[in-house]
Amino acid sequence: MVVYKAGPAGFRESAARYFVSRKAGIADWVLSGKLLFEPLWRECLMRWSDEDWKRFLDNMKHLSVESVSMPAALYILVFKAPDNRLFLNLYWETVRYIRFAYLMVRKDQAVLTDQELEGLSREEVISLLGQTFETLYGRITADLLSFIAQAQDEFDLGDMEQVPFYWNIYRKRPQMRYTLVSRILREIERGDYPRGTYLPSLPCMAQRYEVSFNTVRRSLSILDSMGITRSLQGKGTLVLAEAEKADLANPEIREGMKLYLDSLQLMTLTIKPVVQYTLENAPADAVEKLQYDVRQLGKNRNSYKIFEVVLTFIAENCRLNLVKECYNKLRELIVWGYPIALLRLREREFHMEYNDMVAQAGRYLDEGNAEAFSGSVKEFMGREYQEVRIFLESADTRQ
């Protein structure tokens, strides 16, 4: 075995190549973090019980930090608490990309002293922590961007190709299979594969989606278990005219539904600032298209599709690549809710539940009130999260 040991100059050049290639992503992260992680952090802490909050304060005072910065350690502590793997997954993926957490490590670091915390309300502590973290991250960002500027000249890296942030939701999960299921579901929902018709043959689908036969076969098996399709010997895979009951005992179905529920919760907590930012910075023609699309929901009696309309708007118009990557992945995950929506449609008039709310949101949009419109979208998302959670819990009891 040959072990390469780099000297200080070698380490500096390696660091230069790593960070210069992520210069755009680091600059993007500064604002993206405010839209994604600050709302998650605040909401998680505000929803904790008094007992959990007291435990958090004790942990904050005695937290042992060896490998990551104190702010990162506290974020991890908070995001580990909810039963939602996406919170911590998204944070860790950004840490792996930017490596801020490792650049700020100091064994003597402290966040807030007992004297600073004394007499403060929970809201005041959270605000003070936010200000402290913003100062720390602002300083390290400035230092890092200064290093990047020097390194570009020092190592002639001015034209280095940029490495974008990629959110690997399916780490330790069968990514290609889940991604293909999401894609086929979206195409069925869109009408590319009409209900009552057969999907293309296995070889055709493998060629179209550029995956193996086995990946297609396993993906179709999941769709069968979801009650969306039925594979018939010698005929192919039929898109069912009406969705059947999903097999919630199937571990892959349960995993997909859990990811769907987690994605709804993550969006409930972050979508208001994301929508408001995107609206306030989108070109006029994009906003006009959104206004038109929202009006059409009422005319076509499918107001429940407001989520798809808004998420498409974010994916196409948000200027922040980290936010776009995050919401594109969440948009992929919410397709897992399609069979749930079909089953709920059987039970009641789904459109009417959202019609008045969507109409009011449309009026806010036409008035140019981005804050009120984004608040309405958050209300929709929160309501949907609660409805789906209750639906899945009741489905569990019926299994």
Protein backbone atom coordinates (compact mmCIF):
# COMPACT_ATOMS: atom_id res chain seq x y z
CA MET A 1 0.00 0.00 0.00
CA VAL A 2 1.33 3.44 -0.97
CA VAL A 3 0.42 6.31 1.36
CA TYR A 4 0.66 9.84 0.02
CA LYS A 5 1.44 12.50 2.61
CA ALA A 6 0.96 16.05 1.44
CA GLY A 7 2.85 18.93 2.98
CA PRO A 8 1.25 22.30 3.88
CA ALA A 9 1.51 23.50 0.28
CA GLY A 10 -0.21 20.34 -0.96
CA PHE A 11 -3.02 20.69 1.56
CA ARG A 12 -3.49 24.34 0.59
CA GLU A 13 -3.77 23.48 -3.09
CA SER A 14 -6.22 20.65 -2.35
CA ALA A 15 -8.34 23.01 -0.27
CA ALA A 16 -8.13 25.62 -3.02
CA ARG A 17 -9.37 23.18 -5.67
CA TYR A 18 -12.20 22.01 -3.42
CA PHE A 19 -13.51 25.43 -2.42
CA VAL A 20 -12.87 27.31 -5.67
CA SER A 21 -15.01 24.72 -7.47
CA ARG A 22 -17.81 25.48 -4.97
CA LYS A 23 -17.50 29.25 -4.91
CA ALA A 24 -20.93 29.80 -6.48
CA GLY A 25 -22.50 27.22 -4.16
CA ILE A 26 -21.02 28.85 -1.05
CA ALA A 27 -22.32 32.29 -2.05
CA ASP A 28 -25.71 30.71 -2.83
CA TRP A 29 -25.78 28.92 0.55
CA VAL A 30 -25.60 32.19 2.51
CA LEU A 31 -29.15 33.16 1.51
CA SER A 32 -30.50 29.65 0.95
CA GLY A 33 -29.68 28.78 4.55
CA LYS A 34 -31.84 31.66 5.75
CA LEU A 35 -34.79 30.38 3.74
CA LEU A 36 -34.42 26.70 4.63
CA PHE A 37 -32.57 26.06 7.88
CA GLU A 38 -33.50 29.07 9.99
CA PRO A 39 -37.28 28.39 9.70
CA LEU A 40 -36.74 24.68 10.42
CA TRP A 41 -34.55 25.43 13.42
CA ARG A 42 -36.96 28.01 14.84
CA GLU A 43 -40.11 25.94 14.28
CA CYS A 44 -38.57 22.81 15.78
CA LEU A 45 -37.51 24.65 18.93
CA MET A 46 -40.79 26.54 19.33
CA ARG A 47 -42.79 23.30 19.11
CA TRP A 48 -40.81 21.49 21.77
CA SER A 49 -42.40 20.72 25.12
CA ASP A 50 -41.12 22.56 28.21
CA GLU A 51 -39.30 19.39 29.24
CA ASP A 52 -37.55 19.06 25.86
CA TRP A 53 -36.66 22.75 25.91
CA LYS A 54 -35.07 22.45 29.36
CA ARG A 55 -33.09 19.41 28.16
CA PHE A 56 -31.93 21.39 25.12
CA LEU A 57 -30.66 24.25 27.30
CA ASP A 58 -28.77 21.78 29.49
CA ASN A 59 -27.27 20.09 26.41
CA MET A 60 -26.27 23.45 24.98
CA LYS A 61 -24.33 24.30 28.13
CA HIS A 62 -22.53 20.94 28.33
CA LEU A 63 -22.25 19.93 24.68
CA SER A 64 -18.88 18.32 23.93
CA VAL A 65 -17.58 19.38 20.54
CA GLU A 66 -14.64 17.62 18.94
CA SER A 67 -15.17 17.38 15.18
CA VAL A 68 -17.77 20.00 14.19
CA SER A 69 -18.51 23.60 15.14
CA MET A 70 -20.80 24.45 18.04
CA PRO A 71 -23.54 25.92 15.77
CA ALA A 72 -23.49 22.79 13.60
CA ALA A 73 -23.61 20.55 16.66
CA LEU A 74 -26.67 22.41 17.97
CA TYR A 75 -28.41 22.30 14.57
CA ILE A 76 -27.80 18.55 14.48
CA LEU A 77 -29.15 18.19 18.02
CA VAL A 78 -32.36 19.99 17.05
CA PHE A 79 -32.87 18.24 13.69
CA LYS A 80 -32.40 14.81 15.25
CA ALA A 81 -35.39 15.34 17.55
CA PRO A 82 -38.37 15.28 15.10
CA ASP A 83 -39.43 12.01 13.53
CA ASN A 84 -38.43 13.41 10.13
CA ARG A 85 -35.25 12.12 8.53
CA LEU A 86 -35.29 14.76 5.79
CA PHE A 87 -34.43 17.60 8.20
CA LEU A 88 -31.14 16.11 9.29
CA ASN A 89 -30.47 14.55 5.88
CA LEU A 90 -30.70 17.93 4.11
CA TYR A 91 -28.53 19.64 6.71
CA TRP A 92 -25.84 16.95 6.58
CA GLU A 93 -25.78 17.00 2.78
CA THR A 94 -25.10 20.75 2.80
CA VAL A 95 -22.42 20.28 5.49
CA ARG A 96 -20.78 17.59 3.32
CA TYR A 97 -20.85 19.98 0.36
CA ILE A 98 -19.64 23.22 1.97
CA ARG A 99 -17.79 21.85 5.03
CA PHE A 100 -18.52 24.92 7.13
CA ALA A 101 -19.01 22.79 10.20
CA TYR A 102 -15.41 21.56 10.08
CA LEU A 103 -13.88 24.96 9.39
CA MET A 104 -15.18 26.51 12.61
CA VAL A 105 -14.13 23.91 15.17
CA ARG A 106 -12.67 25.24 18.40
CA LYS A 107 -12.62 23.20 21.58
CA ASP A 108 -13.02 26.30 23.74
CA GLN A 109 -15.99 27.62 21.78
CA ALA A 110 -19.11 28.66 23.65
CA VAL A 111 -22.52 29.71 22.40
CA LEU A 112 -24.25 31.52 25.26
CA THR A 113 -23.26 31.74 28.91
CA ASP A 114 -25.58 31.17 31.88
CA GLN A 115 -25.55 34.91 32.48
CA GLU A 116 -26.68 35.63 28.92
CA LEU A 117 -29.47 33.03 29.12
CA GLU A 118 -30.77 34.07 32.54
CA GLY A 119 -34.30 35.48 32.47
CA LEU A 120 -34.78 35.09 28.72
CA SER A 121 -37.93 33.62 27.19
CA ARG A 122 -37.72 30.78 24.68
CA GLU A 123 -38.35 33.19 21.80
CA GLU A 124 -35.59 35.49 23.05
CA VAL A 125 -33.09 32.62 23.39
CA ILE A 126 -33.85 31.42 19.86
CA SER A 127 -33.44 34.94 18.46
CA LEU A 128 -30.17 35.43 20.34
CA LEU A 129 -28.86 32.09 19.07
CA GLY A 130 -29.84 33.07 15.54
CA GLN A 131 -27.91 36.34 15.80
CA THR A 132 -24.89 34.54 17.26
CA PHE A 133 -24.86 31.92 14.51
CA GLU A 134 -25.34 34.54 11.80
CA THR A 135 -22.29 36.42 13.07
CA LEU A 136 -20.18 33.24 13.16
CA TYR A 137 -21.25 32.06 9.73
CA GLY A 138 -20.83 35.55 8.30
CA ARG A 139 -17.24 35.69 9.52
CA ILE A 140 -16.29 32.27 8.19
CA THR A 141 -17.99 32.99 4.86
CA ALA A 142 -16.02 36.21 4.44
CA ASP A 143 -12.76 34.43 5.35
CA LEU A 144 -13.48 31.56 2.99
CA LEU A 145 -14.42 33.79 0.05
CA SER A 146 -11.22 35.77 0.68
CA PHE A 147 -9.22 32.52 0.60
CA ILE A 148 -10.95 31.51 -2.65
CA ALA A 149 -10.10 34.85 -4.27
CA GLN A 150 -6.42 34.45 -3.34
CA ALA A 151 -6.33 30.76 -4.34
CA GLN A 152 -7.78 31.45 -7.79
CA ASP A 153 -4.75 33.59 -8.63
CA GLU A 154 -2.22 31.54 -6.69
CA PHE A 155 -3.09 28.25 -8.43
CA ASP A 156 -4.51 29.67 -11.67
CA LEU A 157 -8.03 28.35 -10.99
CA GLY A 158 -10.05 31.25 -12.33
CA ASP A 159 -11.88 29.19 -14.96
CA MET A 160 -12.44 26.13 -12.77
CA GLU A 161 -15.72 24.30 -13.43
CA GLN A 162 -18.25 24.76 -10.63
CA VAL A 163 -19.60 21.78 -8.68
CA PRO A 164 -23.28 22.30 -7.86
CA PHE A 165 -24.98 21.09 -4.69
CA TYR A 166 -26.76 17.75 -5.05
CA TRP A 167 -29.19 16.47 -2.42
CA ASN A 168 -28.89 12.71 -2.11
CA ILE A 169 -32.18 11.95 -0.35
CA TYR A 170 -31.91 8.23 -1.00
CA ARG A 171 -28.57 7.62 0.70
CA LYS A 172 -28.75 3.98 1.88
CA ARG A 173 -31.94 3.58 -0.18
CA PRO A 174 -32.58 2.22 -3.71
CA GLN A 175 -32.32 5.61 -5.44
CA MET A 176 -32.80 4.68 -9.10
CA ARG A 177 -35.86 2.58 -8.32
CA TYR A 178 -37.53 5.25 -6.18
CA THR A 179 -36.68 7.97 -8.70
CA LEU A 180 -38.16 5.94 -11.55
CA VAL A 181 -41.35 5.25 -9.57
CA SER A 182 -41.71 9.00 -8.94
CA ARG A 183 -41.16 9.79 -12.61
CA ILE A 184 -43.71 7.23 -13.87
CA LEU A 185 -46.25 8.41 -11.28
CA ARG A 186 -45.84 12.00 -12.47
CA GLU A 187 -46.31 10.90 -16.10
CA ILE A 188 -49.46 8.95 -15.20
CA GLU A 189 -50.81 11.95 -13.29
CA ARG A 190 -49.99 14.21 -16.26
CA GLY A 191 -51.84 11.90 -18.65
CA ASP A 192 -48.81 10.66 -20.59
CA TYR A 193 -49.97 7.14 -19.68
CA PRO A 194 -53.80 7.38 -19.59
CA ARG A 195 -55.74 5.28 -17.13
CA GLY A 196 -57.05 2.08 -18.68
CA THR A 197 -54.08 1.77 -21.05
CA TYR A 198 -50.93 -0.32 -20.88
CA LEU A 199 -47.47 1.00 -20.10
CA PRO A 200 -44.78 0.44 -22.76
CA SER A 201 -42.96 -2.88 -22.80
CA LEU A 202 -40.09 -3.60 -20.42
CA PRO A 203 -37.39 -3.11 -23.11
CA CYS A 204 -38.98 0.16 -24.27
CA MET A 205 -39.12 1.54 -20.73
CA ALA A 206 -35.55 0.46 -19.99
CA GLN A 207 -34.39 2.29 -23.12
CA ARG A 208 -36.51 5.37 -22.51
CA TYR A 209 -35.42 5.86 -18.89
CA GLU A 210 -31.87 4.58 -19.45
CA VAL A 211 -32.03 2.01 -16.66
CA SER A 212 -31.68 -1.76 -16.42
CA PHE A 213 -34.51 -4.25 -16.97
CA ASN A 214 -34.31 -5.17 -13.30
CA THR A 215 -34.78 -1.54 -12.19
CA VAL A 216 -37.88 -1.23 -14.40
CA ARG A 217 -39.24 -4.57 -13.15
CA ARG A 218 -38.79 -3.62 -9.48
CA SER A 219 -40.29 -0.17 -10.08
CA LEU A 220 -43.37 -1.70 -11.72
CA SER A 221 -43.70 -4.05 -8.75
CA ILE A 222 -43.83 -1.01 -6.45
CA LEU A 223 -46.49 0.64 -8.64
CA ASP A 224 -48.55 -2.58 -8.45
CA SER A 225 -48.28 -2.54 -4.66
CA MET A 226 -49.36 1.12 -4.65
CA GLY A 227 -52.58 0.12 -6.39
CA ILE A 228 -51.82 2.29 -9.43
CA THR A 229 -51.03 -0.47 -11.96
CA ARG A 230 -51.57 -4.19 -12.37
CA SER A 231 -49.09 -6.44 -14.15
CA LEU A 232 -50.88 -9.10 -16.22
CA GLN A 233 -49.09 -12.22 -17.41
CA GLY A 234 -48.55 -12.10 -21.16
CA LYS A 235 -50.20 -8.69 -21.57
CA GLY A 236 -48.08 -6.11 -19.77
CA THR A 237 -48.71 -3.52 -17.06
CA LEU A 238 -52.14 -1.87 -17.01
CA VAL A 239 -52.69 1.63 -15.59
CA LEU A 240 -55.81 1.06 -13.52
CA ALA A 241 -58.88 3.16 -14.25
CA GLU A 242 -59.40 3.54 -10.49
CA ALA A 243 -56.73 3.28 -7.86
CA GLU A 244 -56.89 0.27 -5.60
CA LYS A 245 -55.93 0.05 -1.95
CA ALA A 246 -52.17 0.38 -1.49
CA ASP A 247 -50.32 -2.46 0.22
CA LEU A 248 -49.09 -0.53 3.25
CA ALA A 249 -47.55 -3.71 4.65
CA ASN A 250 -44.98 -3.56 1.81
CA PRO A 251 -41.79 -2.01 3.28
CA GLU A 252 -41.04 -0.07 0.07
CA ILE A 253 -44.54 1.43 0.03
CA ARG A 254 -44.29 2.40 3.68
CA GLU A 255 -40.89 3.98 3.01
CA GLY A 256 -42.28 5.99 0.09
CA MET A 257 -45.30 7.15 2.09
CA LYS A 258 -43.07 8.15 5.02
CA LEU A 259 -40.86 10.16 2.68
CA TYR A 260 -44.01 11.80 1.26
CA LEU A 261 -45.23 12.76 4.74
CA ASP A 262 -41.77 14.02 5.73
CA SER A 263 -41.57 16.12 2.57
CA LEU A 264 -44.93 17.74 3.34
CA GLN A 265 -43.74 18.64 6.84
CA LEU A 266 -40.45 20.08 5.58
CA MET A 267 -42.29 22.20 3.02
CA THR A 268 -44.86 23.33 5.58
CA LEU A 269 -42.04 24.82 7.65
CA THR A 270 -40.04 26.40 4.81
CA ILE A 271 -42.37 27.16 1.93
CA LYS A 272 -43.52 30.61 3.08
CA PRO A 273 -40.09 32.31 2.88
CA VAL A 274 -39.19 30.30 -0.24
CA VAL A 275 -42.35 31.31 -2.13
CA GLN A 276 -42.09 34.93 -1.00
CA TYR A 277 -38.43 35.20 -2.06
CA THR A 278 -39.12 33.55 -5.43
CA LEU A 279 -42.13 35.77 -6.14
CA GLU A 280 -40.28 38.96 -5.25
CA ASN A 281 -37.36 38.07 -7.52
CA ALA A 282 -39.11 36.32 -10.43
CA PRO A 283 -39.54 38.01 -13.84
CA ALA A 284 -42.92 39.57 -14.53
CA ASP A 285 -43.91 37.02 -17.19
CA ALA A 286 -43.28 34.15 -14.71
CA VAL A 287 -45.54 35.80 -12.12
CA GLU A 288 -48.23 36.35 -14.77
CA LYS A 289 -48.06 32.67 -15.70
CA LEU A 290 -48.45 31.72 -12.03
CA GLN A 291 -51.49 34.01 -11.77
CA TYR A 292 -53.00 32.34 -14.85
CA ASP A 293 -52.27 28.82 -13.58
CA VAL A 294 -53.87 29.54 -10.19
CA ARG A 295 -57.01 30.94 -11.86
CA GLN A 296 -57.26 27.84 -14.07
CA LEU A 297 -57.33 25.59 -11.01
CA GLY A 298 -60.73 26.95 -10.05
CA LYS A 299 -62.09 26.84 -13.58
CA ASN A 300 -60.97 23.24 -14.06
CA ARG A 301 -62.22 22.15 -10.63
CA ASN A 302 -58.85 20.81 -9.52
CA SER A 303 -57.81 23.30 -6.84
CA TYR A 304 -56.04 20.49 -4.97
CA LYS A 305 -53.28 20.73 -7.61
CA ILE A 306 -52.15 24.04 -6.10
CA PHE A 307 -49.07 22.29 -4.69
CA GLU A 308 -47.86 21.15 -8.11
CA VAL A 309 -48.43 24.65 -9.56
CA VAL A 310 -46.48 26.38 -6.79
CA LEU A 311 -43.64 23.83 -6.72
CA THR A 312 -43.25 24.10 -10.50
CA PHE A 313 -43.05 27.89 -10.14
CA ILE A 314 -40.28 27.55 -7.53
CA ALA A 315 -38.37 24.97 -9.60
CA GLU A 316 -38.45 27.17 -12.70
CA ASN A 317 -37.90 30.60 -11.16
CA CYS A 318 -36.04 30.53 -7.84
CA ARG A 319 -32.61 32.15 -8.25
CA LEU A 320 -31.01 30.08 -5.50
CA ASN A 321 -29.68 26.76 -6.75
CA LEU A 322 -29.63 25.09 -3.33
CA VAL A 323 -33.31 25.94 -2.82
CA LYS A 324 -34.15 24.76 -6.34
CA GLU A 325 -32.34 21.47 -5.77
CA CYS A 326 -34.11 20.99 -2.44
CA TYR A 327 -37.57 21.75 -3.83
CA ASN A 328 -37.04 19.73 -6.99
CA LYS A 329 -36.31 16.70 -4.80
CA LEU A 330 -39.34 17.44 -2.62
CA ARG A 331 -41.43 17.78 -5.77
CA GLU A 332 -40.23 14.31 -6.73
CA LEU A 333 -41.24 12.93 -3.33
CA ILE A 334 -44.75 14.37 -3.19
CA VAL A 335 -45.69 12.34 -6.26
CA TRP A 336 -45.84 9.42 -3.82
CA GLY A 337 -49.01 11.05 -2.53
CA TYR A 338 -50.79 10.55 -5.86
CA PRO A 339 -52.41 7.21 -4.89
CA ILE A 340 -53.47 8.71 -1.55
CA ALA A 341 -55.11 11.62 -3.39
CA LEU A 342 -57.00 9.21 -5.66
CA LEU A 343 -58.30 7.25 -2.68
CA ARG A 344 -59.32 10.44 -0.87
CA LEU A 345 -61.11 11.64 -4.01
CA ARG A 346 -63.39 8.63 -3.72
CA GLU A 347 -64.49 9.66 -0.26
CA ARG A 348 -65.34 13.33 -0.82
CA GLU A 349 -65.21 16.26 -3.20
CA PHE A 350 -61.52 17.06 -2.99
CA HIS A 351 -61.73 20.20 -5.13
CA MET A 352 -64.23 21.94 -2.84
CA GLU A 353 -61.95 21.59 0.17
CA TYR A 354 -59.41 23.89 -1.46
CA ASN A 355 -61.52 25.97 -3.83
CA ASP A 356 -62.24 28.97 -1.57
CA MET A 357 -58.72 29.00 -0.15
CA VAL A 358 -57.12 28.87 -3.61
CA ALA A 359 -59.46 31.62 -4.85
CA GLN A 360 -58.40 33.87 -1.96
CA ALA A 361 -54.73 33.07 -2.59
CA GLY A 362 -55.25 34.01 -6.24
CA ARG A 363 -56.62 37.39 -5.18
CA TYR A 364 -53.54 38.00 -3.02
CA LEU A 365 -51.38 37.11 -6.01
CA ASP A 366 -53.27 39.47 -8.34
CA GLU A 367 -52.87 42.26 -5.77
CA GLY A 368 -49.11 41.71 -5.71
CA ASN A 369 -49.18 40.70 -2.04
CA ALA A 370 -46.36 38.13 -2.01
CA GLU A 371 -46.36 37.78 1.78
CA ALA A 372 -50.09 36.99 1.99
CA PHE A 373 -49.95 34.58 -0.95
CA SER A 374 -46.96 32.70 0.49
CA GLY A 375 -48.76 32.57 3.86
CA SER A 376 -51.76 30.97 2.13
CA VAL A 377 -49.53 28.37 0.50
CA LYS A 378 -48.05 27.52 3.90
CA GLU A 379 -51.60 27.12 5.25
CA PHE A 380 -52.48 24.73 2.38
CA MET A 381 -49.35 22.69 2.98
CA GLY A 382 -49.88 22.48 6.74
CA ARG A 383 -53.47 21.38 6.26
CA GLU A 384 -52.45 18.74 3.74
CA TYR A 385 -49.74 17.44 6.06
CA GLN A 386 -52.25 16.95 8.87
CA GLU A 387 -54.84 15.37 6.53
CA VAL A 388 -52.33 12.89 5.09
CA ARG A 389 -50.94 12.02 8.53
CA ILE A 390 -54.44 11.23 9.80
CA PHE A 391 -55.29 9.29 6.62
CA LEU A 392 -52.19 7.11 6.90
CA GLU A 393 -52.75 6.50 10.61
CA SER A 394 -56.34 5.41 9.95
CA ALA A 395 -55.15 3.22 7.05
CA ASP A 396 -52.72 1.54 9.44
CA THR A 397 -55.54 0.66 11.82
CA ARG A 398 -57.54 -0.83 8.94
CA GLN A 399 -54.69 -3.09 7.78
